[in-house]
Amino acid sequence: MASSVEREAVDLSGYPDLVVIYLGMRVRTLRGLKTLLGLGPRIDEAGEGRPEGLLHFENNIIYRVFPLHLGMRWYWKDFESMERWTRSEPHRRWWQRFTRDAGGTSFWHEVYFVRGGMEGVYGNRQGERYGLFAFAPVVPAHGTMHSARERVRRAGAPLREAVGAELEAP
């Protein structure tokens, strides 16, 4: 017997500055598996710690089993909260370590703003094209493209000014 689908929707009017970020890590080598298994639990702990402004997080989204490609989705009340967390410990340390040595992985993130605009950054992808990267023109993430705030401004998303000097890049 068929049953009707009960449809529901969400009212986001209470979240005018909502930011959703998708992140992914793709294992490239056996060492990459070790990197993923070492970092995964720490990312879960960071989300469970509920940094200020984090509304919800979902980790361990499987994009592909072989080669292993996992991801996560985090919902932030606003860009400033997300930006503040990315420049604090432990995230700052993780990102600095990755930019020195990818540990046998590639990493990407895409950010979407409820008020409009989006951006994507892909590290160590080695020729693969996925997400926004699969169809949009690609530019090096140097100069003004090195900062999420500047990338988003270039993409046209409205942002308030930085909340303080503590947000400057490490």
C-alpha atoms as a PDB file:
ATOM      1  CA  MET A   1       0.000   0.000   0.000  1.00  0.00           C
ATOM      2  CA  ALA A   2       1.354   3.411  -0.956  1.00  0.00           C
ATOM      3  CA  SER A   3       1.815   6.019   1.701  1.00  0.00           C
ATOM      4  CA  SER A   4       2.026   9.726   1.100  1.00  0.00           C
ATOM      5  CA  VAL A   5       5.202  11.602   1.856  1.00  0.00           C
ATOM      6  CA  GLU A   6       4.985  14.105   4.670  1.00  0.00           C
ATOM      7  CA  ARG A   7       6.956  17.085   3.426  1.00  0.00           C
ATOM      8  CA  GLU A   8       8.536  19.597   5.793  1.00  0.00           C
ATOM      9  CA  ALA A   9      10.698  22.651   5.243  1.00  0.00           C
ATOM     10  CA  VAL A  10      12.934  24.823   7.403  1.00  0.00           C
ATOM     11  CA  ASP A  11      12.460  28.492   8.176  1.00  0.00           C
ATOM     12  CA  LEU A  12      15.901  30.101   7.906  1.00  0.00           C
ATOM     13  CA  SER A  13      14.656  33.634   8.597  1.00  0.00           C
ATOM     14  CA  GLY A  14      16.280  33.471  12.050  1.00  0.00           C
ATOM     15  CA  TYR A  15      19.656  32.792  10.408  1.00  0.00           C
ATOM     16  CA  PRO A  16      20.189  35.688   7.980  1.00  0.00           C
ATOM     17  CA  ASP A  17      23.972  35.244   7.904  1.00  0.00           C
ATOM     18  CA  LEU A  18      24.062  31.426   7.813  1.00  0.00           C
ATOM     19  CA  VAL A  19      27.174  29.887   6.271  1.00  0.00           C
ATOM     20  CA  VAL A  20      27.403  26.246   5.210  1.00  0.00           C
ATOM     21  CA  ILE A  21      30.804  24.741   4.559  1.00  0.00           C
ATOM     22  CA  TYR A  22      31.437  21.404   2.894  1.00  0.00           C
ATOM     23  CA  LEU A  23      34.900  19.928   3.383  1.00  0.00           C
ATOM     24  CA  GLY A  24      36.505  16.825   1.983  1.00  0.00           C
ATOM     25  CA  MET A  25      39.681  14.811   2.239  1.00  0.00           C
ATOM     26  CA  ARG A  26      40.735  12.294  -0.347  1.00  0.00           C
ATOM     27  CA  VAL A  27      43.248   9.569   0.515  1.00  0.00           C
ATOM     28  CA  ARG A  28      45.990   9.298  -2.121  1.00  0.00           C
ATOM     29  CA  THR A  29      48.462   6.904  -0.500  1.00  0.00           C
ATOM     30  CA  LEU A  30      48.723   4.500   2.431  1.00  0.00           C
ATOM     31  CA  ARG A  31      50.220   7.395   4.376  1.00  0.00           C
ATOM     32  CA  GLY A  32      47.058   9.354   3.526  1.00  0.00           C
ATOM     33  CA  LEU A  33      44.944   6.750   5.285  1.00  0.00           C
ATOM     34  CA  LYS A  34      47.048   7.268   8.408  1.00  0.00           C
ATOM     35  CA  THR A  35      46.606  11.055   8.046  1.00  0.00           C
ATOM     36  CA  LEU A  36      42.833  10.703   7.703  1.00  0.00           C
ATOM     37  CA  LEU A  37      42.497   8.293  10.634  1.00  0.00           C
ATOM     38  CA  GLY A  38      44.650  10.558  12.792  1.00  0.00           C
ATOM     39  CA  LEU A  39      42.803  13.753  11.947  1.00  0.00           C
ATOM     40  CA  GLY A  40      39.226  12.431  11.784  1.00  0.00           C
ATOM     41  CA  PRO A  41      38.680  11.924  15.524  1.00  0.00           C
ATOM     42  CA  ARG A  42      40.187  15.352  16.251  1.00  0.00           C
ATOM     43  CA  ILE A  43      37.784  16.987  13.793  1.00  0.00           C
ATOM     44  CA  ASP A  44      34.888  15.212  15.526  1.00  0.00           C
ATOM     45  CA  GLU A  45      36.135  16.473  18.895  1.00  0.00           C
ATOM     46  CA  ALA A  46      36.367  20.007  17.540  1.00  0.00           C
ATOM     47  CA  GLY A  47      32.734  19.883  16.399  1.00  0.00           C
ATOM     48  CA  GLU A  48      31.581  18.277  19.652  1.00  0.00           C
ATOM     49  CA  GLY A  49      33.306  21.154  21.468  1.00  0.00           C
ATOM     50  CA  ARG A  50      30.727  23.470  19.853  1.00  0.00           C
ATOM     51  CA  PRO A  51      32.906  26.444  18.977  1.00  0.00           C
ATOM     52  CA  GLU A  52      31.060  29.746  19.262  1.00  0.00           C
ATOM     53  CA  GLY A  53      28.800  30.181  16.258  1.00  0.00           C
ATOM     54  CA  LEU A  54      28.738  26.524  15.171  1.00  0.00           C
ATOM     55  CA  LEU A  55      25.087  25.545  14.836  1.00  0.00           C
ATOM     56  CA  HIS A  56      25.472  21.938  13.681  1.00  0.00           C
ATOM     57  CA  PHE A  57      28.018  19.615  12.073  1.00  0.00           C
ATOM     58  CA  GLU A  58      27.945  16.320  10.229  1.00  0.00           C
ATOM     59  CA  ASN A  59      31.176  14.425   9.672  1.00  0.00           C
ATOM     60  CA  ASN A  60      32.061  11.253   7.798  1.00  0.00           C
ATOM     61  CA  ILE A  61      30.054  11.758   4.642  1.00  0.00           C
ATOM     62  CA  ILE A  62      31.315   9.134   2.188  1.00  0.00           C
ATOM     63  CA  TYR A  63      31.836  10.541  -1.294  1.00  0.00           C
ATOM     64  CA  ARG A  64      33.697   7.520  -2.601  1.00  0.00           C
ATOM     65  CA  VAL A  65      35.009   4.298  -1.077  1.00  0.00           C
ATOM     66  CA  PHE A  66      37.934   3.770  -3.431  1.00  0.00           C
ATOM     67  CA  PRO A  67      39.964   5.832  -3.425  1.00  0.00           C
ATOM     68  CA  LEU A  68      38.621   6.816  -0.012  1.00  0.00           C
ATOM     69  CA  HIS A  69      37.096  10.297  -0.125  1.00  0.00           C
ATOM     70  CA  LEU A  70      35.319  11.500   3.035  1.00  0.00           C
ATOM     71  CA  GLY A  71      33.719  14.787   3.858  1.00  0.00           C
ATOM     72  CA  MET A  72      31.801  16.848   6.337  1.00  0.00           C
ATOM     73  CA  ARG A  73      29.276  19.652   6.456  1.00  0.00           C
ATOM     74  CA  TRP A  74      29.319  22.370   9.104  1.00  0.00           C
ATOM     75  CA  TYR A  75      26.684  25.086   9.639  1.00  0.00           C
ATOM     76  CA  TRP A  76      27.846  28.415  11.105  1.00  0.00           C
ATOM     77  CA  LYS A  77      25.666  31.319  12.280  1.00  0.00           C
ATOM     78  CA  ASP A  78      27.847  33.743  10.290  1.00  0.00           C
ATOM     79  CA  PHE A  79      31.111  34.122   8.401  1.00  0.00           C
ATOM     80  CA  GLU A  80      32.824  35.883  11.299  1.00  0.00           C
ATOM     81  CA  SER A  81      32.277  32.901  13.630  1.00  0.00           C
ATOM     82  CA  MET A  82      33.615  30.481  11.053  1.00  0.00           C
ATOM     83  CA  GLU A  83      36.575  32.716  10.247  1.00  0.00           C
ATOM     84  CA  ARG A  84      37.435  33.201  13.935  1.00  0.00           C
ATOM     85  CA  TRP A  85      37.439  29.430  14.491  1.00  0.00           C
ATOM     86  CA  THR A  86      39.610  28.728  11.433  1.00  0.00           C
ATOM     87  CA  ARG A  87      42.234  31.120  12.790  1.00  0.00           C
ATOM     88  CA  SER A  88      42.233  29.578  16.260  1.00  0.00           C
ATOM     89  CA  GLU A  89      43.675  26.346  17.626  1.00  0.00           C
ATOM     90  CA  PRO A  90      43.483  23.547  16.678  1.00  0.00           C
ATOM     91  CA  HIS A  91      42.316  24.434  13.144  1.00  0.00           C
ATOM     92  CA  ARG A  92      45.136  26.900  12.503  1.00  0.00           C
ATOM     93  CA  ARG A  93      47.728  24.261  13.395  1.00  0.00           C
ATOM     94  CA  TRP A  94      46.029  21.602  11.214  1.00  0.00           C
ATOM     95  CA  TRP A  95      45.933  23.931   8.224  1.00  0.00           C
ATOM     96  CA  GLN A  96      49.558  25.035   8.621  1.00  0.00           C
ATOM     97  CA  ARG A  97      50.651  21.405   8.855  1.00  0.00           C
ATOM     98  CA  PHE A  98      48.659  20.479   5.728  1.00  0.00           C
ATOM     99  CA  THR A  99      50.101  23.361   3.693  1.00  0.00           C
ATOM    100  CA  ARG A 100      53.605  22.114   4.539  1.00  0.00           C
ATOM    101  CA  ASP A 101      52.840  18.414   3.936  1.00  0.00           C
ATOM    102  CA  ALA A 102      49.535  16.975   2.689  1.00  0.00           C
ATOM    103  CA  GLY A 103      50.347  13.638   4.305  1.00  0.00           C
ATOM    104  CA  GLY A 104      49.249  11.597   1.294  1.00  0.00           C
ATOM    105  CA  THR A 105      45.882  13.368   0.940  1.00  0.00           C
ATOM    106  CA  SER A 106      44.136  16.116  -0.956  1.00  0.00           C
ATOM    107  CA  PHE A 107      41.743  18.516   0.721  1.00  0.00           C
ATOM    108  CA  TRP A 108      38.982  20.849  -0.427  1.00  0.00           C
ATOM    109  CA  HIS A 109      36.293  23.090   0.959  1.00  0.00           C
ATOM    110  CA  GLU A 110      33.317  24.912  -0.494  1.00  0.00           C
ATOM    111  CA  VAL A 111      31.475  27.667   1.387  1.00  0.00           C
ATOM    112  CA  TYR A 112      27.895  28.778   0.679  1.00  0.00           C
ATOM    113  CA  PHE A 113      26.256  31.918   2.089  1.00  0.00           C
ATOM    114  CA  VAL A 114      22.496  32.192   2.614  1.00  0.00           C
ATOM    115  CA  ARG A 115      22.682  35.853   1.499  1.00  0.00           C
ATOM    116  CA  GLY A 116      24.402  34.830  -1.693  1.00  0.00           C
ATOM    117  CA  GLY A 117      27.862  33.945  -2.854  1.00  0.00           C
ATOM    118  CA  MET A 118      30.031  30.892  -2.575  1.00  0.00           C
ATOM    119  CA  GLU A 119      33.681  29.973  -2.849  1.00  0.00           C
ATOM    120  CA  GLY A 120      35.835  26.894  -3.140  1.00  0.00           C
ATOM    121  CA  VAL A 121      39.464  26.004  -2.420  1.00  0.00           C
ATOM    122  CA  TYR A 122      41.194  22.779  -3.410  1.00  0.00           C
ATOM    123  CA  GLY A 123      44.585  21.648  -2.157  1.00  0.00           C
ATOM    124  CA  ASN A 124      46.858  19.006  -3.630  1.00  0.00           C
ATOM    125  CA  ARG A 125      44.129  17.685  -5.947  1.00  0.00           C
ATOM    126  CA  GLN A 126      46.644  16.378  -8.530  1.00  0.00           C
ATOM    127  CA  GLY A 127      44.496  16.875 -11.604  1.00  0.00           C
ATOM    128  CA  GLU A 128      41.159  15.705 -10.250  1.00  0.00           C
ATOM    129  CA  ARG A 129      38.116  17.929 -10.734  1.00  0.00           C
ATOM    130  CA  TYR A 130      35.165  17.739  -8.336  1.00  0.00           C
ATOM    131  CA  GLY A 131      32.633  20.100  -6.799  1.00  0.00           C
ATOM    132  CA  LEU A 132      32.737  23.682  -8.085  1.00  0.00           C
ATOM    133  CA  PHE A 133      36.182  22.926  -9.471  1.00  0.00           C
ATOM    134  CA  ALA A 134      34.598  20.559 -12.019  1.00  0.00           C
ATOM    135  CA  PHE A 135      33.148  23.427 -14.069  1.00  0.00           C
ATOM    136  CA  ALA A 136      34.315  26.866 -12.841  1.00  0.00           C
ATOM    137  CA  PRO A 137      37.487  28.651 -14.017  1.00  0.00           C
ATOM    138  CA  VAL A 138      40.443  27.974 -11.752  1.00  0.00           C
ATOM    139  CA  VAL A 139      42.889  30.563 -10.388  1.00  0.00           C
ATOM    140  CA  PRO A 140      45.849  30.161  -8.015  1.00  0.00           C
ATOM    141  CA  ALA A 141      45.021  30.816  -4.344  1.00  0.00           C
ATOM    142  CA  HIS A 142      47.729  33.488  -3.970  1.00  0.00           C
ATOM    143  CA  GLY A 143      47.578  37.177  -3.132  1.00  0.00           C
ATOM    144  CA  THR A 144      43.986  38.224  -2.529  1.00  0.00           C
ATOM    145  CA  MET A 145      42.868  34.681  -3.324  1.00  0.00           C
ATOM    146  CA  HIS A 146      44.817  33.400  -0.272  1.00  0.00           C
ATOM    147  CA  SER A 147      42.231  34.766   2.177  1.00  0.00           C
ATOM    148  CA  ALA A 148      38.682  33.391   2.402  1.00  0.00           C
ATOM    149  CA  ARG A 149      37.430  36.893   3.158  1.00  0.00           C
ATOM    150  CA  GLU A 150      39.063  38.259   0.000  1.00  0.00           C
ATOM    151  CA  ARG A 151      37.948  35.318  -2.162  1.00  0.00           C
ATOM    152  CA  VAL A 152      34.383  35.834  -1.017  1.00  0.00           C
ATOM    153  CA  ARG A 153      34.545  39.579  -1.665  1.00  0.00           C
ATOM    154  CA  ARG A 154      35.774  38.858  -5.179  1.00  0.00           C
ATOM    155  CA  ALA A 155      32.849  36.475  -5.661  1.00  0.00           C
ATOM    156  CA  GLY A 156      30.464  39.283  -4.654  1.00  0.00           C
ATOM    157  CA  ALA A 157      29.159  37.995  -1.324  1.00  0.00           C
ATOM    158  CA  PRO A 158      28.373  40.802   1.141  1.00  0.00           C
ATOM    159  CA  LEU A 159      30.490  40.608   4.288  1.00  0.00           C
ATOM    160  CA  ARG A 160      30.841  42.892   7.233  1.00  0.00           C
ATOM    161  CA  GLU A 161      34.361  44.110   7.937  1.00  0.00           C
ATOM    162  CA  ALA A 162      36.693  41.846   9.909  1.00  0.00           C
ATOM    163  CA  VAL A 163      35.865  41.768  13.590  1.00  0.00           C
ATOM    164  CA  GLY A 164      39.419  42.541  14.639  1.00  0.00           C
ATOM    165  CA  ALA A 165      43.124  42.099  14.105  1.00  0.00           C
ATOM    166  CA  GLU A 166      42.974  38.628  15.664  1.00  0.00           C
ATOM    167  CA  LEU A 167      41.554  37.455  12.341  1.00  0.00           C
ATOM    168  CA  GLU A 168      44.681  38.266  10.374  1.00  0.00           C
ATOM    169  CA  ALA A 169      46.260  35.290   8.657  1.00  0.00           C
ATOM    170  CA  PRO A 170      48.859  33.437  10.719  1.00  0.00           C
END
